[in-house]
Amino acid sequence: MAEITAKFQERALLVLQYAADEEMKKVRYHDMLRDDIREFVSISGCKTPNDMISRSCKREIDLEHLGKRWPDQVRVVEGSRKKPKTLDQ
């Protein structure tokens, strides 16, 4: 999550339309998230991109804790991960 967030914030500064539009930032960040995190983080449920980032980080921590408790169940979720999209794709 930290790597995705850093890339997003760095590239968002370079694209003027993202810098000016909070809703566009939320949509783009949501698209970059892994499937297992995206399912938990709602665009409409987050008021700001920073709110979305904090919820994403919290979900990642929750998944890590679940992986320590029930590693067999988390492997199924990990198989559904996809490569994060970047702004220049």
PDB file of N, CA and C in Angstrom:
ATOM      1  N   MET A   1       0.821  -1.193   0.000  1.00  0.00           N
ATOM      2  CA  MET A   1       0.000   0.000   0.000  1.00  0.00           C
ATOM      3  C   MET A   1       0.865   1.255   0.000  1.00  0.00           C
ATOM      4  N   ALA A   2       1.912   1.220   0.758  1.00  0.00           N
ATOM      5  CA  ALA A   2       2.761   2.413   0.835  1.00  0.00           C
ATOM      6  C   ALA A   2       3.354   2.754  -0.527  1.00  0.00           C
ATOM      7  N   GLU A   3       3.757   1.734  -1.272  1.00  0.00           N
ATOM      8  CA  GLU A   3       4.349   1.957  -2.591  1.00  0.00           C
ATOM      9  C   GLU A   3       3.311   2.513  -3.568  1.00  0.00           C
ATOM     10  N   ILE A   4       2.119   1.932  -3.568  1.00  0.00           N
ATOM     11  CA  ILE A   4       1.052   2.405  -4.450  1.00  0.00           C
ATOM     12  C   ILE A   4       0.688   3.847  -4.109  1.00  0.00           C
ATOM     13  N   THR A   5       0.553   4.130  -2.828  1.00  0.00           N
ATOM     14  CA  THR A   5       0.185   5.469  -2.385  1.00  0.00           C
ATOM     15  C   THR A   5       1.250   6.495  -2.769  1.00  0.00           C
ATOM     16  N   ALA A   6       2.509   6.134  -2.580  1.00  0.00           N
ATOM     17  CA  ALA A   6       3.591   7.061  -2.933  1.00  0.00           C
ATOM     18  C   ALA A   6       3.602   7.351  -4.429  1.00  0.00           C
ATOM     19  N   LYS A   7       3.443   6.306  -5.242  1.00  0.00           N
ATOM     20  CA  LYS A   7       3.406   6.506  -6.690  1.00  0.00           C
ATOM     21  C   LYS A   7       2.216   7.374  -7.086  1.00  0.00           C
ATOM     22  N   PHE A   8       1.077   7.087  -6.481  1.00  0.00           N
ATOM     23  CA  PHE A   8      -0.124   7.858  -6.799  1.00  0.00           C
ATOM     24  C   PHE A   8       0.071   9.335  -6.471  1.00  0.00           C
ATOM     25  N   GLN A   9       0.551   9.627  -5.273  1.00  0.00           N
ATOM     26  CA  GLN A   9       0.714  11.020  -4.855  1.00  0.00           C
ATOM     27  C   GLN A   9       1.750  11.745  -5.699  1.00  0.00           C
ATOM     28  N   GLU A  10       2.822  11.055  -6.047  1.00  0.00           N
ATOM     29  CA  GLU A  10       3.861  11.669  -6.877  1.00  0.00           C
ATOM     30  C   GLU A  10       3.316  12.003  -8.266  1.00  0.00           C
ATOM     31  N   ARG A  11       2.618  11.066  -8.857  1.00  0.00           N
ATOM     32  CA  ARG A  11       2.111  11.282 -10.215  1.00  0.00           C
ATOM     33  C   ARG A  11       0.919  12.227 -10.243  1.00  0.00           C
ATOM     34  N   ALA A  12       0.144  12.241  -9.181  1.00  0.00           N
ATOM     35  CA  ALA A  12      -1.006  13.148  -9.131  1.00  0.00           C
ATOM     36  C   ALA A  12      -0.549  14.610  -9.152  1.00  0.00           C
ATOM     37  N   LEU A  13       0.610  14.870  -8.612  1.00  0.00           N
ATOM     38  CA  LEU A  13       1.133  16.234  -8.634  1.00  0.00           C
ATOM     39  C   LEU A  13       1.526  16.660 -10.044  1.00  0.00           C
ATOM     40  N   LEU A  14       1.877  15.698 -10.878  1.00  0.00           N
ATOM     41  CA  LEU A  14       2.323  16.008 -12.231  1.00  0.00           C
ATOM     42  C   LEU A  14       1.166  16.201 -13.215  1.00  0.00           C
ATOM     43  N   VAL A  15       0.010  15.639 -12.898  1.00  0.00           N
ATOM     44  CA  VAL A  15      -1.150  15.757 -13.781  1.00  0.00           C
ATOM     45  C   VAL A  15      -2.071  16.821 -13.196  1.00  0.00           C
ATOM     46  N   LEU A  16      -2.154  17.946 -13.844  1.00  0.00           N
ATOM     47  CA  LEU A  16      -2.880  19.090 -13.294  1.00  0.00           C
ATOM     48  C   LEU A  16      -4.352  18.791 -13.030  1.00  0.00           C
ATOM     49  N   GLN A  17      -5.007  18.033 -13.899  1.00  0.00           N
ATOM     50  CA  GLN A  17      -6.421  17.759 -13.686  1.00  0.00           C
ATOM     51  C   GLN A  17      -6.652  16.936 -12.416  1.00  0.00           C
ATOM     52  N   TYR A  18      -5.704  16.067 -12.037  1.00  0.00           N
ATOM     53  CA  TYR A  18      -5.836  15.319 -10.791  1.00  0.00           C
ATOM     54  C   TYR A  18      -5.599  16.218  -9.581  1.00  0.00           C
ATOM     55  N   ALA A  19      -4.658  17.123  -9.714  1.00  0.00           N
ATOM     56  CA  ALA A  19      -4.327  18.012  -8.605  1.00  0.00           C
ATOM     57  C   ALA A  19      -5.507  18.896  -8.223  1.00  0.00           C
ATOM     58  N   ALA A  20      -6.354  19.234  -9.189  1.00  0.00           N
ATOM     59  CA  ALA A  20      -7.454  20.153  -8.931  1.00  0.00           C
ATOM     60  C   ALA A  20      -8.767  19.453  -8.581  1.00  0.00           C
ATOM     61  N   ASP A  21      -8.901  18.178  -8.869  1.00  0.00           N
ATOM     62  CA  ASP A  21     -10.185  17.495  -8.725  1.00  0.00           C
ATOM     63  C   ASP A  21     -10.095  16.339  -7.721  1.00  0.00           C
ATOM     64  N   GLU A  22     -10.638  16.550  -6.527  1.00  0.00           N
ATOM     65  CA  GLU A  22     -10.593  15.544  -5.461  1.00  0.00           C
ATOM     66  C   GLU A  22     -11.325  14.259  -5.856  1.00  0.00           C
ATOM     67  N   GLU A  23     -12.451  14.385  -6.522  1.00  0.00           N
ATOM     68  CA  GLU A  23     -13.229  13.211  -6.921  1.00  0.00           C
ATOM     69  C   GLU A  23     -12.454  12.356  -7.919  1.00  0.00           C
ATOM     70  N   MET A  24     -11.761  13.007  -8.829  1.00  0.00           N
ATOM     71  CA  MET A  24     -10.966  12.288  -9.809  1.00  0.00           C
ATOM     72  C   MET A  24      -9.812  11.549  -9.121  1.00  0.00           C
ATOM     73  N   LYS A  25      -9.226  12.172  -8.116  1.00  0.00           N
ATOM     74  CA  LYS A  25      -8.160  11.519  -7.355  1.00  0.00           C
ATOM     75  C   LYS A  25      -8.683  10.255  -6.682  1.00  0.00           C
ATOM     76  N   LYS A  26      -9.866  10.355  -6.084  1.00  0.00           N
ATOM     77  CA  LYS A  26     -10.444   9.184  -5.407  1.00  0.00           C
ATOM     78  C   LYS A  26     -10.690   8.044  -6.389  1.00  0.00           C
ATOM     79  N   VAL A  27     -11.251   8.368  -7.545  1.00  0.00           N
ATOM     80  CA  VAL A  27     -11.542   7.337  -8.546  1.00  0.00           C
ATOM     81  C   VAL A  27     -10.245   6.688  -9.024  1.00  0.00           C
ATOM     82  N   ARG A  28      -9.264   7.484  -9.317  1.00  0.00           N
ATOM     83  CA  ARG A  28      -7.996   6.950  -9.823  1.00  0.00           C
ATOM     84  C   ARG A  28      -7.295   6.102  -8.777  1.00  0.00           C
ATOM     85  N   TYR A  29      -7.277   6.556  -7.525  1.00  0.00           N
ATOM     86  CA  TYR A  29      -6.644   5.780  -6.458  1.00  0.00           C
ATOM     87  C   TYR A  29      -7.387   4.463  -6.258  1.00  0.00           C
ATOM     88  N   HIS A  30      -8.695   4.503  -6.292  1.00  0.00           N
ATOM     89  CA  HIS A  30      -9.507   3.298  -6.137  1.00  0.00           C
ATOM     90  C   HIS A  30      -9.163   2.277  -7.222  1.00  0.00           C
ATOM     91  N   ASP A  31      -8.958   2.751  -8.441  1.00  0.00           N
ATOM     92  CA  ASP A  31      -8.590   1.864  -9.549  1.00  0.00           C
ATOM     93  C   ASP A  31      -7.235   1.203  -9.345  1.00  0.00           C
ATOM     94  N   MET A  32      -6.348   1.852  -8.611  1.00  0.00           N
ATOM     95  CA  MET A  32      -5.003   1.319  -8.393  1.00  0.00           C
ATOM     96  C   MET A  32      -4.958   0.250  -7.306  1.00  0.00           C
ATOM     97  N   LEU A  33      -5.979   0.159  -6.487  1.00  0.00           N
ATOM     98  CA  LEU A  33      -5.961  -0.757  -5.346  1.00  0.00           C
ATOM     99  C   LEU A  33      -6.059  -2.219  -5.767  1.00  0.00           C
ATOM    100  N   ARG A  34      -5.492  -3.096  -4.947  1.00  0.00           N
ATOM    101  CA  ARG A  34      -5.660  -4.536  -5.153  1.00  0.00           C
ATOM    102  C   ARG A  34      -7.130  -4.885  -4.987  1.00  0.00           C
ATOM    103  N   ASP A  35      -7.568  -5.948  -5.625  1.00  0.00           N
ATOM    104  CA  ASP A  35      -8.972  -6.359  -5.568  1.00  0.00           C
ATOM    105  C   ASP A  35      -9.454  -6.579  -4.137  1.00  0.00           C
ATOM    106  N   ASP A  36      -8.646  -7.249  -3.319  1.00  0.00           N
ATOM    107  CA  ASP A  36      -9.076  -7.564  -1.956  1.00  0.00           C
ATOM    108  C   ASP A  36      -9.197  -6.327  -1.074  1.00  0.00           C
ATOM    109  N   ILE A  37      -8.547  -5.262  -1.438  1.00  0.00           N
ATOM    110  CA  ILE A  37      -8.669  -4.002  -0.691  1.00  0.00           C
ATOM    111  C   ILE A  37      -9.764  -3.141  -1.318  1.00  0.00           C
ATOM    112  N   ARG A  38      -9.835  -3.141  -2.633  1.00  0.00           N
ATOM    113  CA  ARG A  38     -10.840  -2.332  -3.341  1.00  0.00           C
ATOM    114  C   ARG A  38     -12.258  -2.721  -2.915  1.00  0.00           C
ATOM    115  N   GLU A  39     -12.490  -4.007  -2.679  1.00  0.00           N
ATOM    116  CA  GLU A  39     -13.818  -4.458  -2.261  1.00  0.00           C
ATOM    117  C   GLU A  39     -14.245  -3.836  -0.938  1.00  0.00           C
ATOM    118  N   PHE A  40     -13.281  -3.482  -0.103  1.00  0.00           N
ATOM    119  CA  PHE A  40     -13.551  -2.941   1.222  1.00  0.00           C
ATOM    120  C   PHE A  40     -13.672  -1.415   1.223  1.00  0.00           C
ATOM    121  N   VAL A  41     -13.000  -0.756   0.291  1.00  0.00           N
ATOM    122  CA  VAL A  41     -12.928   0.702   0.268  1.00  0.00           C
ATOM    123  C   VAL A  41     -13.878   1.243  -0.796  1.00  0.00           C
ATOM    124  N   SER A  42     -14.849   2.010  -0.367  1.00  0.00           N
ATOM    125  CA  SER A  42     -15.855   2.564  -1.264  1.00  0.00           C
ATOM    126  C   SER A  42     -15.513   4.007  -1.630  1.00  0.00           C
ATOM    127  N   ILE A  43     -15.665   4.333  -2.903  1.00  0.00           N
ATOM    128  CA  ILE A  43     -15.412   5.713  -3.339  1.00  0.00           C
ATOM    129  C   ILE A  43     -16.400   6.660  -2.671  1.00  0.00           C
ATOM    130  N   SER A  44     -17.657   6.270  -2.662  1.00  0.00           N
ATOM    131  CA  SER A  44     -18.683   7.152  -2.087  1.00  0.00           C
ATOM    132  C   SER A  44     -18.587   7.226  -0.565  1.00  0.00           C
ATOM    133  N   GLY A  45     -17.988   6.234   0.070  1.00  0.00           N
ATOM    134  CA  GLY A  45     -17.871   6.233   1.524  1.00  0.00           C
ATOM    135  C   GLY A  45     -16.710   7.051   2.041  1.00  0.00           C
ATOM    136  N   CYS A  46     -15.858   7.514   1.152  1.00  0.00           N
ATOM    137  CA  CYS A  46     -14.686   8.296   1.538  1.00  0.00           C
ATOM    138  C   CYS A  46     -14.877   9.739   1.075  1.00  0.00           C
ATOM    139  N   LYS A  47     -14.712  10.668   1.993  1.00  0.00           N
ATOM    140  CA  LYS A  47     -14.923  12.073   1.662  1.00  0.00           C
ATOM    141  C   LYS A  47     -13.739  12.692   0.934  1.00  0.00           C
ATOM    142  N   THR A  48     -12.529  12.213   1.234  1.00  0.00           N
ATOM    143  CA  THR A  48     -11.325  12.770   0.623  1.00  0.00           C
ATOM    144  C   THR A  48     -10.406  11.629   0.173  1.00  0.00           C
ATOM    145  N   PRO A  49      -9.458  11.934  -0.698  1.00  0.00           N
ATOM    146  CA  PRO A  49      -8.478  10.900  -1.064  1.00  0.00           C
ATOM    147  C   PRO A  49      -7.679  10.410   0.150  1.00  0.00           C
ATOM    148  N   ASN A  50      -7.386  11.302   1.090  1.00  0.00           N
ATOM    149  CA  ASN A  50      -6.655  10.876   2.288  1.00  0.00           C
ATOM    150  C   ASN A  50      -7.464   9.900   3.129  1.00  0.00           C
ATOM    151  N   ASP A  51      -8.774  10.086   3.180  1.00  0.00           N
ATOM    152  CA  ASP A  51      -9.653   9.150   3.876  1.00  0.00           C
ATOM    153  C   ASP A  51      -9.583   7.785   3.201  1.00  0.00           C
ATOM    154  N   MET A  52      -9.574   7.775   1.892  1.00  0.00           N
ATOM    155  CA  MET A  52      -9.491   6.529   1.137  1.00  0.00           C
ATOM    156  C   MET A  52      -8.144   5.837   1.386  1.00  0.00           C
ATOM    157  N   ILE A  53      -7.081   6.612   1.432  1.00  0.00           N
ATOM    158  CA  ILE A  53      -5.756   6.057   1.693  1.00  0.00           C
ATOM    159  C   ILE A  53      -5.699   5.429   3.076  1.00  0.00           C
ATOM    160  N   SER A  54      -6.232   6.106   4.084  1.00  0.00           N
ATOM    161  CA  SER A  54      -6.188   5.559   5.441  1.00  0.00           C
ATOM    162  C   SER A  54      -7.042   4.296   5.559  1.00  0.00           C
ATOM    163  N   ARG A  55      -8.195   4.255   4.898  1.00  0.00           N
ATOM    164  CA  ARG A  55      -9.017   3.047   4.922  1.00  0.00           C
ATOM    165  C   ARG A  55      -8.332   1.893   4.207  1.00  0.00           C
ATOM    166  N   SER A  56      -7.631   2.206   3.133  1.00  0.00           N
ATOM    167  CA  SER A  56      -6.904   1.169   2.397  1.00  0.00           C
ATOM    168  C   SER A  56      -5.792   0.578   3.252  1.00  0.00           C
ATOM    169  N   CYS A  57      -5.074   1.438   3.935  1.00  0.00           N
ATOM    170  CA  CYS A  57      -3.997   0.966   4.814  1.00  0.00           C
ATOM    171  C   CYS A  57      -4.555   0.125   5.952  1.00  0.00           C
ATOM    172  N   LYS A  58      -5.668   0.544   6.508  1.00  0.00           N
ATOM    173  CA  LYS A  58      -6.296  -0.219   7.590  1.00  0.00           C
ATOM    174  C   LYS A  58      -6.715  -1.598   7.088  1.00  0.00           C
ATOM    175  N   ARG A  59      -7.275  -1.664   5.901  1.00  0.00           N
ATOM    176  CA  ARG A  59      -7.689  -2.946   5.332  1.00  0.00           C
ATOM    177  C   ARG A  59      -6.488  -3.849   5.075  1.00  0.00           C
ATOM    178  N   GLU A  60      -5.394  -3.282   4.609  1.00  0.00           N
ATOM    179  CA  GLU A  60      -4.191  -4.081   4.384  1.00  0.00           C
ATOM    180  C   GLU A  60      -3.690  -4.679   5.697  1.00  0.00           C
ATOM    181  N   ILE A  61      -3.704  -3.888   6.760  1.00  0.00           N
ATOM    182  CA  ILE A  61      -3.286  -4.381   8.079  1.00  0.00           C
ATOM    183  C   ILE A  61      -4.224  -5.486   8.547  1.00  0.00           C
ATOM    184  N   ASP A  62      -5.529  -5.293   8.359  1.00  0.00           N
ATOM    185  CA  ASP A  62      -6.499  -6.324   8.735  1.00  0.00           C
ATOM    186  C   ASP A  62      -6.238  -7.631   7.989  1.00  0.00           C
ATOM    187  N   LEU A  63      -5.943  -7.538   6.702  1.00  0.00           N
ATOM    188  CA  LEU A  63      -5.662  -8.737   5.910  1.00  0.00           C
ATOM    189  C   LEU A  63      -4.390  -9.432   6.375  1.00  0.00           C
ATOM    190  N   GLU A  64      -3.388  -8.659   6.769  1.00  0.00           N
ATOM    191  CA  GLU A  64      -2.154  -9.245   7.302  1.00  0.00           C
ATOM    192  C   GLU A  64      -2.427 -10.009   8.593  1.00  0.00           C
ATOM    193  N   HIS A  65      -3.260  -9.445   9.466  1.00  0.00           N
ATOM    194  CA  HIS A  65      -3.613 -10.121  10.710  1.00  0.00           C
ATOM    195  C   HIS A  65      -4.401 -11.400  10.433  1.00  0.00           C
ATOM    196  N   LEU A  66      -5.310 -11.342   9.468  1.00  0.00           N
ATOM    197  CA  LEU A  66      -6.061 -12.540   9.091  1.00  0.00           C
ATOM    198  C   LEU A  66      -5.132 -13.614   8.546  1.00  0.00           C
ATOM    199  N   GLY A  67      -4.137 -13.194   7.794  1.00  0.00           N
ATOM    200  CA  GLY A  67      -3.171 -14.137   7.234  1.00  0.00           C
ATOM    201  C   GLY A  67      -2.384 -14.862   8.298  1.00  0.00           C
ATOM    202  N   LYS A  68      -2.135 -14.194   9.405  1.00  0.00           N
ATOM    203  CA  LYS A  68      -1.416 -14.833  10.509  1.00  0.00           C
ATOM    204  C   LYS A  68      -2.317 -15.807  11.251  1.00  0.00           C
ATOM    205  N   ARG A  69      -3.608 -15.500  11.348  1.00  0.00           N
ATOM    206  CA  ARG A  69      -4.553 -16.376  12.049  1.00  0.00           C
ATOM    207  C   ARG A  69      -4.983 -17.559  11.195  1.00  0.00           C
ATOM    208  N   TRP A  70      -5.387 -17.274   9.961  1.00  0.00           N
ATOM    209  CA  TRP A  70      -5.918 -18.312   9.067  1.00  0.00           C
ATOM    210  C   TRP A  70      -5.216 -18.225   7.709  1.00  0.00           C
ATOM    211  N   PRO A  71      -3.985 -18.702   7.623  1.00  0.00           N
ATOM    212  CA  PRO A  71      -3.229 -18.546   6.376  1.00  0.00           C
ATOM    213  C   PRO A  71      -3.887 -19.228   5.174  1.00  0.00           C
ATOM    214  N   ASP A  72      -4.618 -20.314   5.368  1.00  0.00           N
ATOM    215  CA  ASP A  72      -5.252 -21.007   4.239  1.00  0.00           C
ATOM    216  C   ASP A  72      -6.339 -20.156   3.599  1.00  0.00           C
ATOM    217  N   GLN A  73      -7.097 -19.414   4.382  1.00  0.00           N
ATOM    218  CA  GLN A  73      -8.173 -18.590   3.844  1.00  0.00           C
ATOM    219  C   GLN A  73      -7.634 -17.374   3.103  1.00  0.00           C
ATOM    220  N   VAL A  74      -6.534 -16.831   3.566  1.00  0.00           N
ATOM    221  CA  VAL A  74      -5.979 -15.635   2.940  1.00  0.00           C
ATOM    222  C   VAL A  74      -5.320 -15.979   1.609  1.00  0.00           C
ATOM    223  N   ARG A  75      -4.806 -17.197   1.460  1.00  0.00           N
ATOM    224  CA  ARG A  75      -4.199 -17.589   0.186  1.00  0.00           C
ATOM    225  C   ARG A  75      -5.193 -17.490  -0.958  1.00  0.00           C
ATOM    226  N   VAL A  76      -6.448 -17.819  -0.691  1.00  0.00           N
ATOM    227  CA  VAL A  76      -7.484 -17.718  -1.719  1.00  0.00           C
ATOM    228  C   VAL A  76      -7.641 -16.264  -2.147  1.00  0.00           C
ATOM    229  N   VAL A  77      -7.641 -15.351  -1.193  1.00  0.00           N
ATOM    230  CA  VAL A  77      -7.773 -13.917  -1.493  1.00  0.00           C
ATOM    231  C   VAL A  77      -6.546 -13.428  -2.257  1.00  0.00           C
ATOM    232  N   GLU A  78      -5.354 -13.872  -1.863  1.00  0.00           N
ATOM    233  CA  GLU A  78      -4.133 -13.429  -2.519  1.00  0.00           C
ATOM    234  C   GLU A  78      -4.105 -13.851  -3.979  1.00  0.00           C
ATOM    235  N   GLY A  79      -4.718 -14.955  -4.307  1.00  0.00           N
ATOM    236  CA  GLY A  79      -4.752 -15.416  -5.685  1.00  0.00           C
ATOM    237  C   GLY A  79      -5.540 -14.495  -6.586  1.00  0.00           C
ATOM    238  N   SER A  80      -6.400 -13.663  -6.014  1.00  0.00           N
ATOM    239  CA  SER A  80      -7.226 -12.762  -6.815  1.00  0.00           C
ATOM    240  C   SER A  80      -6.577 -11.392  -7.006  1.00  0.00           C
ATOM    241  N   ARG A  81      -5.372 -11.219  -6.518  1.00  0.00           N
ATOM    242  CA  ARG A  81      -4.697  -9.920  -6.668  1.00  0.00           C
ATOM    243  C   ARG A  81      -4.374  -9.663  -8.121  1.00  0.00           C
ATOM    244  N   LYS A  82      -4.397  -8.404  -8.469  1.00  0.00           N
ATOM    245  CA  LYS A  82      -3.963  -8.027  -9.805  1.00  0.00           C
ATOM    246  C   LYS A  82      -2.896  -6.964  -9.679  1.00  0.00           C
ATOM    247  N   LYS A  83      -2.162  -6.780 -10.735  1.00  0.00           N
ATOM    248  CA  LYS A  83      -1.104  -5.777 -10.746  1.00  0.00           C
ATOM    249  C   LYS A  83      -1.721  -4.397 -10.635  1.00  0.00           C
ATOM    250  N   PRO A  84      -1.237  -3.557  -9.720  1.00  0.00           N
ATOM    251  CA  PRO A  84      -1.803  -2.216  -9.586  1.00  0.00           C
ATOM    252  C   PRO A  84      -1.576  -1.393 -10.843  1.00  0.00           C
ATOM    253  N   LYS A  85      -2.580  -0.611 -11.200  1.00  0.00           N
ATOM    254  CA  LYS A  85      -2.466   0.281 -12.340  1.00  0.00           C
ATOM    255  C   LYS A  85      -1.724   1.541 -11.913  1.00  0.00           C
ATOM    256  N   THR A  86      -1.071   2.160 -12.852  1.00  0.00           N
ATOM    257  CA  THR A  86      -0.407   3.416 -12.562  1.00  0.00           C
ATOM    258  C   THR A  86      -1.041   4.512 -13.412  1.00  0.00           C
ATOM    259  N   LEU A  87      -0.768   5.740 -13.081  1.00  0.00           N
ATOM    260  CA  LEU A  87      -1.380   6.869 -13.773  1.00  0.00           C
ATOM    261  C   LEU A  87      -1.038   6.922 -15.250  1.00  0.00           C
ATOM    262  N   ASP A  88       0.142   6.420 -15.618  1.00  0.00           N
ATOM    263  CA  ASP A  88       0.550   6.539 -17.005  1.00  0.00           C
ATOM    264  C   ASP A  88       0.087   5.376 -17.879  1.00  0.00           C
ATOM    265  N   GLN A  89      -0.702   4.465 -17.355  1.00  0.00           N
ATOM    266  CA  GLN A  89      -1.206   3.349 -18.156  1.00  0.00           C
ATOM    267  C   GLN A  89      -2.474   3.709 -18.855  1.00  0.00           C
TER     268      GLN A  89
END
